Every structure is written in structure tokens, then in C-alpha cells.
Amino acid sequence: MRLHRLAAVAAILLAAAACQPLPQPFANERTSADNPLLQPTDGGGITVRTPEGLKQPDSRALAEAIAAALRDAEIPASTEGSNSLSRFLTTRVAAQPAAADRVRIALDWSLADAKGGRATKGAVNTEAAAAQWNAHAPELTERIAVQIAEAIARSSAADSGGAPMALAIDRPIHVRKIVGLSQRDEATLRRSLEFQLRQSKLKVADDPTDEALVVAGTFKLSPPVQGGQKVELRWAVLRPDGGELGTMSQANTVEAGTFDKPWGELAAIIAQGAAAGLTEILTRLTPDKLAENRGR
């Protein structure tokens, strides 16, 4: 099943740790010049493993489709990379003949941490034309992926009670000027991040207000070493009074000179990953954390 759908240029796993210090190691650094995207130092997100029961490249195509469908459902996901807080999605696909010219497709999925604990399991069953299945039709790949993503989203909503997101949406978000960038690049990245936050259904305030939570970012680029440069973006979500609600980081080693050019698409990719992490921080907030520390 070859996936022809245009997913995100790259998925950046989360590095979100609400009310905790930034992680220490650069566990997921990459040096590939073909993928100069920032990987997290630590955090959550789902790593989608290639499903069992299919041949390559069909299995890989379905994994990519599932990851894209999860991201469309505002669940950070990727087929590559992981960290200490990642969950891993395993899927097994089986097809049997059904009515004339049709097949019945059964998909068992399991979502667990790296040690196999805290597993959530489920199943998706669907039917399709045998011709579609045998031809590895892209539309069938996408439909199956969406069904799995929806099942995982429903399971996650049930576990969380479905309430946290409303807290984040009810409060406007103001993105403060990002430290460490030129005026041109800072404006480009900030606009991209504001756009991605709006895409996540968050209210973005152009100016700070008494009610708006604040996103503060810092960009750091190390000097070139053997053709590569270490880059790190640190993000924090703050209450209007300056109290810290959560932090995350994006970091990687990229080809030297990557950030010397106008950012363009690169800013959009960074913003997509940052917005995913920031949104996860916001969805975990409780009313007591949102309350200002008055009198301090």
C-alpha cells in the first residue's frame, strides 16, 4: 500500500516536561544534512512501528499513514526516533476473504512504553474491495490509518476524561519575541509558530494581556565543528505573572550553514514540532497550575 498522501515534512517528537527542568542528554541527535530538523532531548509522543502482517514497502507506507493520521488528530507521532517518555504503537494486520470480491481486514493495535508497560490495546475491523487490497490502493491505506488514529484518540480521550484541552483553549496564548535570532528570522519563526498554534485550535494574542499565557523561546547555535553545528531551541510556557508552567526543547546537530539562509520552510517545520510540544504542555495543565501566584 503505497502512501501518496502528503504528510508533514517531518514529525518532531515532543520534548515536553511540564514544570520540570530541561533534560540533559542529546539522546536523539542526528547529523544527516538531508534532515536538518530539530529532534527532542526528551519527552512524549508516539513512535509508530511498522505493522506486522504486511510486506515492505506496504508496511512502511501504512506506518507513515498512521503517524500522519495521528498528527492530524493532534497527537504527536513519528515513525522514527524515540526518547524515555515515548510510547510505541505496534499493529498487526490480517485480511480474509469476505463476501464476493471483498476482504475483511482486522487490525490489532497496542500502545505501550519502551518496557512494554502501561499498554493500551484495541482492534479495528473494516471491509474493502479485494481489488483495492490487492492493488495496495493509497486511499485504502489512508482509510485504515485514519480508523486506527481515531481509535487511539478515543482511547486517549477516555483515559484523560477529555477535559484538559478546554483549559488551554480558554486562555489566550501570547508568543514573546524569541531570543537569539536576527530580526528577520525571529519574525519568520514567531509567525510560523503562531500559525501552528492557531491550527491547534488555540487562541493566539498578538499582544500580552492579563489573561494570556506566555510562550518564551530561546535559540542557540554553536560554532561549526567538523562541518556540523549544534542547535537548540528552548521553550517555556509561563503564567502572566511569569510563573513557569512547563518547558520543552528541540535540539540536533545539523549541517553547518543550515540556518544562514532565509528560513522559509525550515521555520514551518520547527514551528510544527514546537507547537505540538507546547500544546501537550497546555493540555496537561490543571486549574491550580493556571492560577497566578498572587501576593508574591
Protein backbone atom coordinates (compact mmCIF):
# COMPACT_ATOMS: atom_id res chain seq x y z
CA MET A 1 0.00 0.00 0.00
CA ARG A 2 1.96 2.99 -1.20
CA LEU A 3 1.04 6.18 0.56
CA HIS A 4 0.73 9.14 -1.80
CA ARG A 5 -0.68 11.47 0.77
CA LEU A 6 1.46 14.50 1.61
CA ALA A 7 2.08 14.27 5.33
CA ALA A 8 4.04 16.79 7.36
CA VAL A 9 7.55 17.40 6.01
CA ALA A 10 8.89 15.74 9.14
CA ALA A 11 7.45 14.87 12.54
CA ILE A 12 9.32 16.16 15.54
CA LEU A 13 8.70 14.16 18.67
CA LEU A 14 7.83 16.07 21.77
CA ALA A 15 10.24 17.30 24.36
CA ALA A 16 7.69 18.46 26.85
CA ALA A 17 8.15 18.21 30.60
CA ALA A 18 5.57 20.26 32.46
CA CYS A 19 7.09 22.05 35.43
CA GLN A 20 10.32 20.08 35.16
CA PRO A 21 13.86 21.10 34.17
CA LEU A 22 15.10 20.55 30.64
CA PRO A 23 16.59 17.09 30.05
CA GLN A 24 20.34 16.72 29.96
CA PRO A 25 21.43 14.36 27.16
CA PHE A 26 21.04 14.89 23.43
CA ALA A 27 19.75 11.37 23.09
CA ASN A 28 18.25 11.74 19.62
CA GLU A 29 20.75 13.93 17.81
CA ARG A 30 21.02 13.45 14.06
CA THR A 31 23.70 14.71 11.74
CA SER A 32 22.01 13.97 8.41
CA ALA A 33 22.18 17.01 6.15
CA ASP A 34 19.07 15.70 4.40
CA ASN A 35 17.06 16.05 7.57
CA PRO A 36 18.17 19.21 9.38
CA LEU A 37 15.24 19.11 11.74
CA LEU A 38 15.44 19.54 15.45
CA GLN A 39 14.95 16.40 17.48
CA PRO A 40 13.91 16.45 21.13
CA THR A 41 16.16 15.80 24.06
CA ASP A 42 13.35 14.07 25.90
CA GLY A 43 9.58 13.94 26.00
CA GLY A 44 6.45 12.13 24.95
CA GLY A 45 4.84 11.35 21.64
CA ILE A 46 4.09 8.10 19.80
CA THR A 47 6.61 6.15 17.75
CA VAL A 48 4.75 4.10 15.12
CA ARG A 49 6.44 0.78 14.39
CA THR A 50 5.96 -0.89 11.02
CA PRO A 51 2.86 -3.11 11.19
CA GLU A 52 3.20 -6.88 11.16
CA GLY A 53 1.46 -8.96 8.54
CA LEU A 54 2.39 -6.84 5.52
CA LYS A 55 5.34 -6.85 3.16
CA GLN A 56 7.64 -3.90 2.61
CA PRO A 57 7.07 -1.26 1.36
CA ASP A 58 3.38 -1.76 2.27
CA SER A 59 4.14 -1.98 5.99
CA ARG A 60 6.28 1.15 5.90
CA ALA A 61 3.61 3.04 3.94
CA LEU A 62 0.94 2.12 6.48
CA ALA A 63 3.18 3.17 9.38
CA GLU A 64 3.73 6.58 7.76
CA ALA A 65 0.00 6.90 7.12
CA ILE A 66 -0.82 6.09 10.76
CA ALA A 67 1.72 8.64 12.01
CA ALA A 68 0.26 11.29 9.68
CA ALA A 69 -3.29 10.47 10.78
CA LEU A 70 -2.28 10.74 14.44
CA ARG A 71 -0.72 14.14 13.80
CA ASP A 72 -3.91 15.23 12.02
CA ALA A 73 -5.73 14.21 15.22
CA GLU A 74 -3.30 16.49 17.14
CA ILE A 75 -1.43 13.51 18.63
CA PRO A 76 2.34 13.93 18.08
CA ALA A 77 3.66 10.89 16.22
CA SER A 78 6.52 9.74 14.02
CA THR A 79 7.92 6.54 12.56
CA GLU A 80 11.47 7.43 13.65
CA GLY A 81 13.17 8.42 16.86
CA SER A 82 12.13 7.91 20.45
CA ASN A 83 13.04 9.00 23.94
CA SER A 84 12.49 7.97 27.54
CA LEU A 85 8.85 9.10 27.57
CA SER A 86 7.84 7.82 24.13
CA ARG A 87 5.06 5.32 23.66
CA PHE A 88 5.31 2.71 20.92
CA LEU A 89 2.45 1.68 18.67
CA THR A 90 2.53 -1.87 17.34
CA THR A 91 -0.05 -3.10 14.86
CA ARG A 92 -0.82 -6.45 13.28
CA VAL A 93 -2.84 -6.63 10.06
CA ALA A 94 -4.69 -9.69 8.77
CA ALA A 95 -7.06 -10.00 5.80
CA GLN A 96 -9.53 -12.76 4.97
CA PRO A 97 -11.98 -13.21 2.09
CA ALA A 98 -15.45 -11.90 2.88
CA ALA A 99 -18.39 -11.57 0.50
CA ALA A 100 -17.82 -11.72 -3.23
CA ASP A 101 -14.90 -9.55 -4.32
CA ARG A 102 -14.37 -8.19 -0.81
CA VAL A 103 -11.93 -8.78 2.06
CA ARG A 104 -12.34 -8.39 5.80
CA ILE A 105 -9.38 -6.59 7.38
CA ALA A 106 -8.60 -6.97 11.08
CA LEU A 107 -6.12 -4.66 12.78
CA ASP A 108 -5.00 -5.27 16.35
CA TRP A 109 -3.02 -2.45 17.94
CA SER A 110 -1.15 -1.96 21.19
CA LEU A 111 0.28 1.23 22.67
CA ALA A 112 2.91 0.81 25.38
CA ASP A 113 6.07 2.35 26.77
CA ALA A 114 9.55 1.09 25.86
CA LYS A 115 9.40 -1.61 28.56
CA GLY A 116 6.00 -2.83 27.43
CA GLY A 117 4.21 -1.48 30.48
CA ARG A 118 1.03 0.57 30.68
CA ALA A 119 -0.20 -0.97 27.44
CA THR A 120 -3.47 0.16 25.87
CA LYS A 121 -4.88 -2.27 23.35
CA GLY A 122 -7.61 -2.16 20.77
CA ALA A 123 -8.85 -3.54 17.48
CA VAL A 124 -10.19 -2.08 14.26
CA ASN A 125 -12.17 -4.13 11.75
CA THR A 126 -13.14 -2.98 8.29
CA GLU A 127 -14.00 -4.29 4.85
CA ALA A 128 -12.74 -3.28 1.43
CA ALA A 129 -12.93 -4.32 -2.19
CA ALA A 130 -10.50 -7.13 -2.92
CA ALA A 131 -9.21 -5.15 -5.89
CA GLN A 132 -8.27 -2.26 -3.61
CA TRP A 133 -6.50 -4.56 -1.17
CA ASN A 134 -4.61 -6.44 -3.87
CA ALA A 135 -3.59 -3.20 -5.62
CA HIS A 136 -2.36 -1.63 -2.36
CA ALA A 137 -4.62 1.36 -3.07
CA PRO A 138 -3.39 4.55 -1.35
CA GLU A 139 -6.95 5.55 -0.41
CA LEU A 140 -7.37 2.24 1.45
CA THR A 141 -4.08 2.76 3.26
CA GLU A 142 -5.23 6.18 4.36
CA ARG A 143 -8.66 4.97 5.44
CA ILE A 144 -7.18 2.21 7.59
CA ALA A 145 -4.71 4.64 9.13
CA VAL A 146 -7.44 7.13 9.99
CA GLN A 147 -9.51 4.41 11.65
CA ILE A 148 -6.57 3.38 13.84
CA ALA A 149 -5.78 7.00 14.72
CA GLU A 150 -9.41 7.66 15.64
CA ALA A 151 -9.46 4.58 17.87
CA ILE A 152 -6.30 5.72 19.66
CA ALA A 153 -7.65 9.26 20.01
CA ARG A 154 -10.88 7.94 21.55
CA SER A 155 -8.90 5.78 23.95
CA SER A 156 -6.69 8.72 24.95
CA ALA A 157 -9.70 10.97 25.47
CA ALA A 158 -11.34 8.35 27.67
CA ASP A 159 -8.18 8.00 29.77
CA SER A 160 -7.84 11.76 30.25
CA GLY A 161 -11.53 12.49 30.69
CA GLY A 162 -11.42 14.81 27.69
CA ALA A 163 -11.22 17.90 29.90
CA PRO A 164 -7.65 19.30 29.82
CA MET A 165 -7.75 20.76 26.30
CA ALA A 166 -10.62 23.08 27.22
CA LEU A 167 -8.41 24.73 29.82
CA ALA A 168 -5.77 25.57 27.23
CA ILE A 169 -8.26 26.77 24.63
CA ASP A 170 -10.00 29.06 27.13
CA ARG A 171 -6.80 31.02 27.76
CA PRO A 172 -5.18 33.10 25.01
CA ILE A 173 -1.52 32.44 24.21
CA HIS A 174 0.99 35.21 23.50
CA VAL A 175 4.29 34.29 21.82
CA ARG A 176 7.00 36.56 23.19
CA LYS A 177 9.89 37.71 20.99
CA ILE A 178 12.25 34.77 20.52
CA VAL A 179 15.73 35.43 21.93
CA GLY A 180 18.91 34.71 19.97
CA LEU A 181 17.72 35.29 16.39
CA SER A 182 18.10 38.05 13.84
CA GLN A 183 15.10 40.30 13.42
CA ARG A 184 14.22 38.64 10.10
CA ASP A 185 14.49 35.04 11.33
CA GLU A 186 12.79 35.81 14.63
CA ALA A 187 9.78 37.29 12.88
CA THR A 188 9.59 34.34 10.48
CA LEU A 189 9.71 31.72 13.23
CA ARG A 190 7.32 33.57 15.52
CA ARG A 191 4.74 33.97 12.73
CA SER A 192 5.08 30.28 11.87
CA LEU A 193 4.64 29.24 15.50
CA GLU A 194 1.59 31.48 15.92
CA PHE A 195 0.08 29.93 12.80
CA GLN A 196 0.70 26.38 14.07
CA LEU A 197 -0.79 27.19 17.47
CA ARG A 198 -3.90 28.53 15.76
CA GLN A 199 -4.03 25.33 13.72
CA SER A 200 -4.13 23.50 17.06
CA LYS A 201 -7.31 25.48 17.90
CA LEU A 202 -5.54 27.70 20.44
CA LYS A 203 -6.30 31.39 20.81
CA VAL A 204 -3.22 33.45 19.96
CA ALA A 205 -2.96 37.01 21.26
CA ASP A 206 -0.80 39.44 19.28
CA ASP A 207 -0.09 41.42 22.45
CA PRO A 208 0.31 40.33 26.09
CA THR A 209 -2.78 40.66 28.27
CA ASP A 210 -3.64 39.99 31.91
CA GLU A 211 -5.20 36.66 30.90
CA ALA A 212 -2.78 35.46 28.22
CA LEU A 213 -0.32 32.68 28.92
CA VAL A 214 3.13 33.43 27.52
CA VAL A 215 5.36 31.31 25.27
CA ALA A 216 9.02 32.30 25.64
CA GLY A 217 11.67 30.90 23.29
CA THR A 218 15.46 30.97 23.11
CA PHE A 219 17.57 29.96 20.09
CA LYS A 220 21.19 28.87 20.47
CA LEU A 221 23.52 27.87 17.62
CA SER A 222 27.00 26.58 18.44
CA PRO A 223 30.08 27.30 16.26
CA PRO A 224 30.72 24.81 13.43
CA VAL A 225 32.72 21.69 14.29
CA GLN A 226 33.77 19.29 11.52
CA GLY A 227 31.04 20.53 9.22
CA GLY A 228 28.23 20.37 11.77
CA GLN A 229 26.57 22.75 14.20
CA LYS A 230 24.63 22.03 17.36
CA VAL A 231 21.36 23.90 17.56
CA GLU A 232 18.88 24.09 20.40
CA LEU A 233 15.58 25.85 20.92
CA ARG A 234 14.23 26.06 24.43
CA TRP A 235 10.60 26.91 25.03
CA ALA A 236 8.71 27.71 28.21
CA VAL A 237 5.03 28.28 28.93
CA LEU A 238 4.54 30.98 31.58
CA ARG A 239 1.64 32.39 33.53
CA PRO A 240 1.01 36.12 33.07
CA ASP A 241 2.83 36.68 36.38
CA GLY A 242 5.93 34.95 34.99
CA GLY A 243 5.49 31.66 36.85
CA GLU A 244 6.71 28.66 34.84
CA LEU A 245 4.11 26.11 33.78
CA GLY A 246 6.23 23.84 31.62
CA THR A 247 9.30 23.60 29.42
CA MET A 248 10.41 21.76 26.30
CA SER A 249 13.40 21.75 23.97
CA GLN A 250 14.25 20.86 20.38
CA ALA A 251 17.87 20.02 19.63
CA ASN A 252 20.03 18.42 16.97
CA THR A 253 23.31 18.65 15.09
CA VAL A 254 22.79 19.97 11.57
CA GLU A 255 24.97 20.74 8.60
CA ALA A 256 26.99 23.91 9.16
CA GLY A 257 25.33 26.89 7.48
CA THR A 258 21.82 25.42 7.58
CA PHE A 259 20.49 28.46 9.41
CA ASP A 260 22.45 31.05 7.42
CA LYS A 261 19.84 31.15 4.65
CA PRO A 262 16.32 32.58 4.87
CA TRP A 263 14.42 30.03 6.92
CA GLY A 264 11.24 29.67 4.90
CA GLU A 265 10.11 26.03 5.07
CA LEU A 266 12.56 25.27 7.87
CA ALA A 267 10.74 27.72 10.15
CA ALA A 268 7.45 25.99 9.40
CA ILE A 269 8.93 22.59 10.29
CA ILE A 270 10.43 23.83 13.55
CA ALA A 271 7.18 25.58 14.44
CA GLN A 272 5.18 22.44 13.80
CA GLY A 273 7.26 20.45 16.27
CA ALA A 274 7.31 23.27 18.82
CA ALA A 275 3.53 23.73 18.61
CA ALA A 276 2.99 20.02 19.20
CA GLY A 277 5.10 20.11 22.36
CA LEU A 278 3.61 23.33 23.64
CA THR A 279 0.11 22.05 23.03
CA GLU A 280 0.87 18.92 25.06
CA ILE A 281 2.10 21.08 27.95
CA LEU A 282 -1.10 23.14 27.79
CA THR A 283 -3.37 20.10 27.73
CA ARG A 284 -1.74 18.79 30.91
CA LEU A 285 -2.35 21.96 32.90
CA THR A 286 -4.70 21.88 35.86
CA PRO A 287 -6.62 24.85 37.28
CA ASP A 288 -4.27 25.17 40.26
CA LYS A 289 -1.26 25.44 37.96
CA LEU A 290 -3.01 28.05 35.86
CA ALA A 291 -3.79 30.20 38.89
CA GLU A 292 -1.46 33.14 39.39
CA ASN A 293 0.80 33.33 42.42
CA ARG A 294 -0.79 36.42 43.88
CA GLY A 295 0.97 38.22 46.69
CA ARG A 296 4.47 37.12 45.63
